[in-house]
Structures are given as C-alpha cells and as structure tokens.
N, C-alpha and C. Protein backbone atom coordinates (compact mmCIF):
# COMPACT_ATOMS: atom_id res chain seq x y z
N ASN A 1 -89.46 69.62 290.33
CA ASN A 1 -90.34 69.18 291.41
C ASN A 1 -91.03 67.89 291.01
N PRO A 2 -90.90 66.87 291.83
CA PRO A 2 -91.54 65.59 291.51
C PRO A 2 -93.06 65.71 291.54
N THR A 3 -93.67 65.08 290.59
CA THR A 3 -95.13 65.06 290.55
C THR A 3 -95.66 63.95 291.43
N ARG A 4 -96.94 63.93 291.60
CA ARG A 4 -97.59 62.86 292.37
C ARG A 4 -97.31 61.50 291.73
N GLU A 5 -97.36 61.46 290.41
CA GLU A 5 -97.09 60.22 289.68
C GLU A 5 -95.64 59.77 289.87
N ASP A 6 -94.71 60.73 289.88
CA ASP A 6 -93.30 60.40 290.11
C ASP A 6 -93.12 59.76 291.48
N ARG A 7 -93.72 60.35 292.49
CA ARG A 7 -93.60 59.80 293.85
C ARG A 7 -94.22 58.41 293.94
N THR A 8 -95.34 58.21 293.29
CA THR A 8 -96.00 56.90 293.29
C THR A 8 -95.11 55.85 292.63
N LEU A 9 -94.51 56.20 291.51
CA LEU A 9 -93.63 55.27 290.79
C LEU A 9 -92.45 54.86 291.67
N VAL A 10 -91.81 55.82 292.32
CA VAL A 10 -90.65 55.53 293.16
C VAL A 10 -91.07 54.64 294.33
N TYR A 11 -92.16 54.94 294.98
CA TYR A 11 -92.62 54.15 296.12
C TYR A 11 -92.96 52.73 295.68
N ASP A 12 -93.72 52.61 294.60
CA ASP A 12 -94.12 51.29 294.11
C ASP A 12 -92.91 50.48 293.66
N LYS A 13 -91.95 51.12 292.99
CA LYS A 13 -90.76 50.39 292.55
C LYS A 13 -89.97 49.88 293.74
N GLY A 14 -89.84 50.70 294.77
CA GLY A 14 -89.11 50.28 295.96
C GLY A 14 -89.71 49.03 296.58
N ALA A 15 -91.01 49.01 296.72
CA ALA A 15 -91.69 47.85 297.29
C ALA A 15 -91.51 46.63 296.40
N TYR A 16 -91.58 46.83 295.10
CA TYR A 16 -91.43 45.72 294.15
C TYR A 16 -90.00 45.15 294.20
N VAL A 17 -89.01 46.02 294.29
CA VAL A 17 -87.62 45.57 294.34
C VAL A 17 -87.37 44.76 295.62
N ILE A 18 -87.92 45.20 296.73
CA ILE A 18 -87.77 44.45 297.98
C ILE A 18 -88.44 43.08 297.84
N HIS A 19 -89.59 43.03 297.21
CA HIS A 19 -90.28 41.76 296.95
C HIS A 19 -89.41 40.84 296.09
N LEU A 20 -88.82 41.37 295.03
CA LEU A 20 -87.96 40.57 294.16
C LEU A 20 -86.72 40.08 294.90
N LEU A 21 -86.17 40.93 295.76
CA LEU A 21 -85.00 40.54 296.54
C LEU A 21 -85.34 39.37 297.47
N ARG A 22 -86.49 39.44 298.10
CA ARG A 22 -86.92 38.35 298.98
C ARG A 22 -87.08 37.06 298.20
N GLU A 23 -87.64 37.14 297.00
CA GLU A 23 -87.77 35.94 296.16
C GLU A 23 -86.41 35.38 295.78
N GLN A 24 -85.47 36.24 295.45
CA GLN A 24 -84.14 35.80 295.03
C GLN A 24 -83.39 35.15 296.18
N MET A 25 -83.46 35.75 297.37
CA MET A 25 -82.69 35.27 298.50
C MET A 25 -83.36 34.10 299.23
N GLY A 26 -84.66 34.05 299.19
CA GLY A 26 -85.40 33.10 300.02
C GLY A 26 -85.77 33.75 301.34
N GLU A 27 -86.82 33.24 301.95
CA GLU A 27 -87.36 33.85 303.17
C GLU A 27 -86.34 33.94 304.30
N ARG A 28 -85.69 32.84 304.61
CA ARG A 28 -84.78 32.81 305.76
C ARG A 28 -83.64 33.82 305.60
N ALA A 29 -82.96 33.80 304.47
CA ALA A 29 -81.83 34.71 304.25
C ALA A 29 -82.29 36.16 304.19
N PHE A 30 -83.43 36.40 303.57
CA PHE A 30 -83.96 37.77 303.46
C PHE A 30 -84.19 38.37 304.84
N TRP A 31 -84.89 37.64 305.70
CA TRP A 31 -85.20 38.17 307.03
C TRP A 31 -83.95 38.26 307.89
N LYS A 32 -83.02 37.36 307.69
CA LYS A 32 -81.73 37.44 308.41
C LYS A 32 -81.00 38.72 307.99
N GLY A 33 -81.02 39.02 306.69
CA GLY A 33 -80.38 40.23 306.18
C GLY A 33 -81.00 41.49 306.75
N LEU A 34 -82.31 41.53 306.83
CA LEU A 34 -82.97 42.70 307.41
C LEU A 34 -82.62 42.84 308.89
N GLN A 35 -82.54 41.72 309.58
CA GLN A 35 -82.17 41.75 310.99
C GLN A 35 -80.74 42.28 311.16
N LEU A 36 -79.81 41.77 310.35
CA LEU A 36 -78.43 42.26 310.40
C LEU A 36 -78.37 43.76 310.13
N PHE A 37 -79.06 44.18 309.10
CA PHE A 37 -79.05 45.59 308.70
C PHE A 37 -79.58 46.49 309.82
N THR A 38 -80.71 46.12 310.39
CA THR A 38 -81.30 46.98 311.42
C THR A 38 -80.49 46.96 312.71
N GLN A 39 -79.96 45.82 313.10
CA GLN A 39 -79.16 45.75 314.33
C GLN A 39 -77.87 46.55 314.20
N ARG A 40 -77.23 46.45 313.08
CA ARG A 40 -75.94 47.15 312.88
C ARG A 40 -76.11 48.66 312.76
N ASN A 41 -77.24 49.07 312.24
CA ASN A 41 -77.39 50.47 311.87
C ASN A 41 -78.41 51.24 312.69
N PHE A 42 -78.89 50.66 313.76
CA PHE A 42 -79.90 51.31 314.58
C PHE A 42 -79.40 52.69 315.02
N GLY A 43 -80.18 53.70 314.72
CA GLY A 43 -79.85 55.06 315.13
C GLY A 43 -78.79 55.75 314.30
N LYS A 44 -78.33 55.12 313.24
CA LYS A 44 -77.27 55.69 312.40
C LYS A 44 -77.83 56.11 311.05
N SER A 45 -77.09 56.95 310.39
CA SER A 45 -77.37 57.25 308.98
C SER A 45 -76.80 56.12 308.14
N VAL A 46 -77.49 55.76 307.10
CA VAL A 46 -77.04 54.65 306.25
C VAL A 46 -77.04 55.07 304.79
N VAL A 47 -76.34 54.27 304.00
CA VAL A 47 -76.34 54.42 302.55
C VAL A 47 -76.68 53.05 301.95
N THR A 48 -76.95 53.04 300.68
CA THR A 48 -77.36 51.81 300.01
C THR A 48 -76.36 50.68 300.20
N SER A 49 -75.08 51.01 300.18
CA SER A 49 -74.06 49.95 300.32
C SER A 49 -74.13 49.26 301.69
N ASP A 50 -74.62 49.94 302.72
CA ASP A 50 -74.82 49.31 304.03
C ASP A 50 -75.88 48.22 303.94
N PHE A 51 -76.96 48.52 303.23
CA PHE A 51 -78.04 47.55 303.05
C PHE A 51 -77.55 46.37 302.22
N ILE A 52 -76.85 46.66 301.13
CA ILE A 52 -76.35 45.60 300.25
C ILE A 52 -75.40 44.67 301.02
N ALA A 53 -74.51 45.24 301.82
CA ALA A 53 -73.55 44.43 302.58
C ALA A 53 -74.26 43.47 303.53
N ALA A 54 -75.26 43.94 304.23
CA ALA A 54 -76.00 43.08 305.16
C ALA A 54 -76.74 41.98 304.41
N MET A 55 -77.35 42.32 303.30
CA MET A 55 -78.11 41.33 302.55
C MET A 55 -77.18 40.29 301.92
N GLU A 56 -76.02 40.73 301.42
CA GLU A 56 -75.07 39.78 300.86
C GLU A 56 -74.51 38.85 301.92
N GLU A 57 -74.23 39.38 303.10
CA GLU A 57 -73.73 38.54 304.18
C GLU A 57 -74.76 37.46 304.54
N ALA A 58 -76.00 37.86 304.66
CA ALA A 58 -77.06 36.91 304.99
C ALA A 58 -77.28 35.90 303.87
N ASN A 59 -77.08 36.35 302.65
CA ASN A 59 -77.29 35.50 301.48
C ASN A 59 -76.14 34.51 301.27
N GLY A 60 -74.96 34.88 301.76
CA GLY A 60 -73.80 34.02 301.60
C GLY A 60 -73.17 34.10 300.22
N LYS A 61 -73.62 35.04 299.42
CA LYS A 61 -73.03 35.25 298.10
C LYS A 61 -73.40 36.63 297.59
N SER A 62 -72.72 37.05 296.55
CA SER A 62 -72.90 38.37 295.99
C SER A 62 -74.31 38.58 295.44
N LEU A 63 -74.80 39.79 295.65
CA LEU A 63 -76.07 40.21 295.05
C LEU A 63 -75.82 41.39 294.10
N GLN A 64 -74.56 41.51 293.68
CA GLN A 64 -74.16 42.64 292.84
C GLN A 64 -75.00 42.73 291.57
N GLU A 65 -75.22 41.61 290.92
CA GLU A 65 -75.99 41.61 289.68
C GLU A 65 -77.43 42.08 289.92
N PHE A 66 -78.03 41.61 290.99
CA PHE A 66 -79.40 42.02 291.33
C PHE A 66 -79.46 43.53 291.55
N PHE A 67 -78.58 44.05 292.41
CA PHE A 67 -78.63 45.47 292.74
C PHE A 67 -78.23 46.34 291.55
N ALA A 68 -77.33 45.87 290.71
CA ALA A 68 -76.96 46.63 289.50
C ALA A 68 -78.17 46.75 288.57
N LYS A 69 -78.94 45.70 288.49
CA LYS A 69 -80.12 45.70 287.60
C LYS A 69 -81.24 46.58 288.14
N TRP A 70 -81.50 46.53 289.44
CA TRP A 70 -82.69 47.15 289.99
C TRP A 70 -82.47 48.44 290.76
N VAL A 71 -81.26 48.66 291.27
CA VAL A 71 -81.08 49.80 292.17
C VAL A 71 -80.01 50.77 291.72
N LEU A 72 -78.82 50.28 291.44
CA LEU A 72 -77.67 51.16 291.19
C LEU A 72 -77.63 51.71 289.78
C-alpha cells in the first residue's frame, strides 16, 4: 500500500518531468504536442507511448533519450 509520502513523490515527480519536457522542447512545440495528444485521444484510453508519439511529432525529433531517463 502506497504511503502518503509515496503518493507525494509520484505526483511531484510527474509535474517536474512535464516541466523538464517543456524546457527541452520549447514552449511552442510543447503546447503543440499537448494539443495533438488531447485531440487524438479525447475520450479514449491511452498509454505512455501515445503521449510520447504526440510529443515527438510536435518536437520534430526523437525524445527517446528524455523519456528513457525520466519515465520508462
């Protein structure tokens, strides 16, 4: 059973990783990626690879190294 501290760590890390992704991609590409992701997946179940694909498309290059380091 996750503790309160475990849940806080996971939540805080998620927000931090999104912040780092925005810095890596730049504002325009980051927001374009979020728009692609939400438009394509509205009302659907998603997996991490769906998010990565949208962000990479918006970025115009692979983010494999970033996601391998922080997420996968």
